Protein backbone atom coordinates (compact mmCIF):
# COMPACT_ATOMS: atom_id res chain seq x y z
CA MET A 1 10.33 -3.35 3.10
CA THR A 2 10.92 0.38 3.60
CA PRO A 3 9.46 1.53 6.93
CA PHE A 4 6.64 4.06 6.85
CA THR A 5 6.52 6.67 9.62
CA THR A 6 5.57 10.03 8.13
CA VAL A 7 5.37 11.22 4.54
CA THR A 8 5.10 14.84 3.43
CA GLY A 9 4.48 16.11 -0.08
CA ALA A 10 1.91 16.90 -2.73
CA ALA A 11 -1.29 14.85 -2.73
CA ALA A 12 -2.52 14.17 -6.24
CA PRO A 13 -6.35 14.20 -6.45
CA LEU A 14 -7.64 11.42 -8.72
CA MET A 15 -11.29 11.28 -7.77
CA GLN A 16 -12.55 8.92 -10.47
CA PRO A 17 -14.37 6.05 -8.68
CA ASN A 18 -13.79 2.34 -9.27
CA ILE A 19 -10.28 2.55 -10.68
CA ASP A 20 -9.40 -1.12 -10.94
CA THR A 21 -6.10 -2.91 -10.93
CA ASP A 22 -6.08 -3.26 -14.72
CA VAL A 23 -6.03 0.53 -14.97
CA ILE A 24 -3.33 0.77 -12.31
CA ILE A 25 -1.18 -1.80 -14.17
CA PRO A 26 -2.50 -3.44 -17.38
CA ILE A 27 -2.24 -7.20 -17.20
CA HIS A 28 0.02 -7.54 -20.24
CA ARG A 29 2.64 -5.43 -18.45
CA LEU A 30 3.00 -8.02 -15.72
CA THR A 31 4.87 -10.32 -18.07
CA GLY A 32 8.45 -9.43 -18.89
CA THR A 33 8.52 -6.30 -16.72
CA ALA A 34 10.83 -6.19 -13.73
CA ARG A 35 9.28 -5.09 -10.48
CA GLU A 36 11.72 -2.17 -10.27
CA THR A 37 10.63 -0.77 -13.66
CA MET A 38 6.88 -1.31 -13.36
CA GLY A 39 6.27 2.31 -12.42
CA GLN A 40 6.64 3.40 -16.04
CA PHE A 41 3.36 1.60 -16.81
CA ALA A 42 1.37 2.80 -13.79
CA PHE A 43 -2.03 4.14 -14.87
CA GLU A 44 -1.01 3.54 -18.49
CA PRO A 45 -4.55 3.84 -19.96
CA LEU A 46 -4.98 7.24 -18.28
CA ARG A 47 -1.41 8.47 -18.31
CA TYR A 48 -0.63 8.06 -22.00
CA GLY A 49 -2.45 8.64 -25.27
CA ALA A 50 -2.83 6.14 -28.11
CA ASP A 51 0.41 7.45 -29.64
CA GLY A 52 2.34 6.77 -26.43
CA ALA A 53 2.72 10.44 -25.57
CA GLU A 54 1.88 11.66 -22.08
CA ASN A 55 -1.66 12.86 -21.50
CA PRO A 56 -1.11 16.39 -20.14
CA ASP A 57 -4.49 16.33 -18.40
CA PHE A 58 -3.68 13.29 -16.25
CA ILE A 59 -2.98 14.41 -12.71
CA LEU A 60 0.40 12.68 -12.24
CA ASN A 61 1.69 14.24 -15.48
CA ARG A 62 1.12 17.78 -14.20
CA PRO A 63 4.24 19.52 -12.89
CA ALA A 64 2.84 20.04 -9.38
CA PHE A 65 2.17 16.32 -8.94
CA ARG A 66 5.10 14.56 -10.61
CA GLY A 67 6.60 12.33 -7.98
CA ALA A 68 3.83 13.08 -5.48
CA PRO A 69 4.03 10.65 -2.54
CA ILE A 70 0.29 10.79 -1.76
CA LEU A 71 -2.73 9.98 -3.91
CA ILE A 72 -6.26 11.04 -3.02
CA ALA A 73 -8.51 8.62 -4.87
CA GLY A 74 -12.15 8.01 -5.67
CA ALA A 75 -14.23 5.33 -3.97
CA ASN A 76 -13.43 1.62 -4.39
CA PHE A 77 -9.87 2.23 -5.50
CA GLY A 78 -7.94 -0.90 -6.47
CA CYS A 79 -11.00 -3.04 -7.15
CA GLY A 80 -10.93 -5.83 -9.73
CA SER A 81 -8.52 -8.71 -10.13
CA SER A 82 -5.82 -9.57 -7.64
CA ARG A 83 -2.35 -8.45 -8.69
CA GLU A 84 0.45 -7.37 -6.41
CA GLY A 85 2.00 -5.61 -9.37
CA ALA A 86 -0.56 -2.83 -8.96
CA VAL A 87 1.11 -1.77 -5.73
CA TRP A 88 4.58 -2.20 -7.23
CA ALA A 89 3.57 0.15 -10.05
CA LEU A 90 2.29 2.78 -7.62
CA ARG A 91 5.48 2.55 -5.59
CA GLY A 92 7.39 2.90 -8.85
CA VAL A 93 5.98 6.38 -9.47
CA GLY A 94 6.84 7.48 -5.94
CA LEU A 95 3.56 6.92 -4.12
CA ARG A 96 3.65 5.80 -0.48
CA CYS A 97 0.07 6.50 0.60
CA VAL A 98 -3.39 6.34 -0.99
CA ILE A 99 -6.32 8.06 0.69
CA ALA A 100 -9.81 6.96 -0.34
CA GLU A 101 -13.30 6.21 0.91
CA GLY A 102 -12.67 2.51 0.35
CA PHE A 103 -10.40 0.00 -1.38
CA GLY A 104 -10.57 -3.38 -3.03
CA ASP A 105 -9.86 -5.87 -0.22
CA ILE A 106 -6.99 -7.71 -1.90
CA PHE A 107 -5.43 -4.49 -3.13
CA GLN A 108 -5.55 -3.11 0.41
CA GLY A 109 -3.79 -6.21 1.74
CA ASN A 110 -1.14 -5.93 -0.96
CA CYS A 111 -0.52 -2.32 0.07
CA TYR A 112 0.30 -3.36 3.61
CA GLN A 113 2.61 -6.09 2.32
CA ASN A 114 4.61 -3.64 0.19
CA GLY A 115 5.10 -0.59 2.38
CA MET A 116 2.14 1.37 1.02
CA LEU A 117 -0.30 2.93 3.49
CA PRO A 118 -4.00 2.79 2.48
CA VAL A 119 -5.94 5.37 4.49
CA THR A 120 -9.72 5.05 4.65
CA LEU A 121 -11.68 8.21 5.41
CA SER A 122 -15.29 9.27 4.92
CA ALA A 123 -16.45 10.39 1.49
CA ARG A 124 -16.95 13.94 2.76
CA THR A 125 -13.44 14.09 4.21
CA VAL A 126 -11.83 12.68 1.06
CA GLU A 127 -13.65 15.27 -1.04
CA GLU A 128 -12.52 18.04 1.29
CA LEU A 129 -8.91 16.87 1.10
CA ALA A 130 -9.11 16.70 -2.69
CA ARG A 131 -10.28 20.30 -2.83
CA GLN A 132 -7.33 21.37 -0.70
CA ALA A 133 -4.91 19.39 -2.85
CA VAL A 134 -5.54 20.95 -6.26
CA GLN A 135 -2.71 23.48 -6.10
CA GLY A 136 -0.08 20.96 -4.99
CA ALA A 137 0.39 22.28 -1.45
CA PRO A 138 2.05 19.71 0.83
CA PHE A 139 0.14 17.31 3.05
CA THR A 140 1.61 15.15 5.81
CA VAL A 141 0.51 11.59 6.54
CA ASP A 142 1.64 10.67 10.04
CA LEU A 143 1.34 6.97 10.78
CA ILE A 144 2.86 7.34 14.24
CA ASN A 145 -0.06 9.51 15.36
CA ARG A 146 -2.53 8.20 12.74
CA MET A 147 -3.26 11.61 11.27
CA VAL A 148 -3.55 13.20 7.83
CA ILE A 149 -2.53 16.85 8.14
CA SER A 150 -3.79 19.23 5.48
CA PRO A 151 -1.83 22.21 4.08
CA GLY A 152 -3.80 24.47 6.42
CA GLY A 153 -2.79 22.42 9.47
CA THR A 154 -6.09 20.61 10.06
CA SER A 155 -5.65 17.06 11.32
CA TYR A 156 -7.86 14.18 10.18
CA PRO A 157 -7.50 11.01 12.29
CA PHE A 158 -7.67 7.59 10.67
CA ASP A 159 -7.87 4.03 11.93
CA ILE A 160 -5.57 1.15 11.05
CA PRO A 161 -5.32 -2.37 12.50
CA PRO A 162 -2.59 -2.35 15.18
CA LEU A 163 -0.57 -5.18 13.64
CA ARG A 164 -0.68 -3.54 10.22
CA ARG A 165 0.50 -0.27 11.73
CA GLU A 166 3.34 -1.99 13.58
CA ALA A 167 4.45 -3.79 10.44
CA LEU A 168 4.53 -0.59 8.36
CA LEU A 169 6.37 1.36 11.04
CA GLU A 170 9.01 -1.37 11.28
CA GLY A 171 9.11 -2.22 7.57
CA LEU A 172 8.04 -5.84 8.03
CA ASP A 173 6.05 -8.12 5.76
CA GLU A 174 4.09 -11.06 7.21
CA LEU A 175 7.05 -13.44 7.04
CA ALA A 176 9.29 -10.99 8.88
CA GLN A 177 6.59 -10.47 11.51
CA THR A 178 6.50 -14.23 12.07
CA ARG A 179 10.28 -14.41 12.41
CA LYS A 180 10.12 -11.77 15.15
CA ARG A 181 8.28 -14.32 17.27
CA LEU A 182 10.51 -17.27 16.44
CA ALA A 183 11.55 -17.76 20.08
CA GLU A 184 7.89 -17.96 21.16
CA ILE A 185 7.10 -20.36 18.33
CA THR A 186 10.03 -22.60 19.23
CA THR A 187 9.04 -22.61 22.92
CA TRP A 188 5.48 -23.59 22.03
CA GLN A 189 6.65 -26.35 19.69
CA GLU A 190 8.93 -27.82 22.33
CA ARG A 191 6.13 -27.79 24.92
CA ASP A 192 3.66 -29.28 22.47
CA GLN A 193 6.07 -32.07 21.53
CA GLU A 194 6.15 -33.07 25.21
CA THR A 195 2.38 -32.97 25.72
CA ARG A 196 1.32 -34.37 22.31
CA PRO A 197 4.27 -36.39 20.95
CA TRP A 198 2.03 -38.39 18.60
CA VAL A 199 1.31 -35.24 16.58
CA TRP A 200 5.00 -34.73 15.85
CA ARG A 201 6.06 -38.36 15.37
CA HIS A 202 6.05 -38.38 11.56
CA LEU A 203 7.15 -34.79 10.90
CA PRO A 204 10.57 -33.98 9.39
CA GLN A 205 13.34 -33.54 11.92
CA ALA A 206 13.86 -29.87 11.03
CA THR A 207 10.27 -29.13 11.97
CA LYS A 208 10.59 -31.01 15.25
CA GLU A 209 13.55 -28.82 16.11
CA GLY A 210 11.50 -25.64 15.75
CA SER A 211 12.32 -24.62 12.19
CA THR A 212 9.79 -22.39 10.38
């Protein structure tokens, strides 16, 4: 997973509320589409017309926001069904951070697992940032200091669970985070085998030896 420290660039304002995962990546695109090419179908119902041509009014099709690394979104972004492909699609169009008043819970978890930073701010702050974003001036999202910095230099602090922050900064998914503590896990297993041998008696040998 690509580490996330700071990202600077245009912030595309897409303030429509309740954009669900089927809008972010239609379900029929999840079959037969490689993860690396899923970005071409991101926001397909909004990004393209019925004839397949780009919708010039959609924010990510405008010259100032093509390839923007930041999205400022309406409330409840990423709601709806669970699909990790929604985050893959967003990463595929160059996005690394989404700022919104709130997110679908599963979508938010998938962001953390795939190097995408979901930033939750108050409705008033999100609206203020969207107003400042309309001309394409660069924002900075600083995960090290937990700040969103507007084009005018104003800093907006945000909260993030410490373990999630650590994982993004280091580019680790949950499995990699577990492997970081393999020595501690092995030590605990060895101690537990001595104090509760009956628990381990019928487990495979690899597990007894501390394998995860």
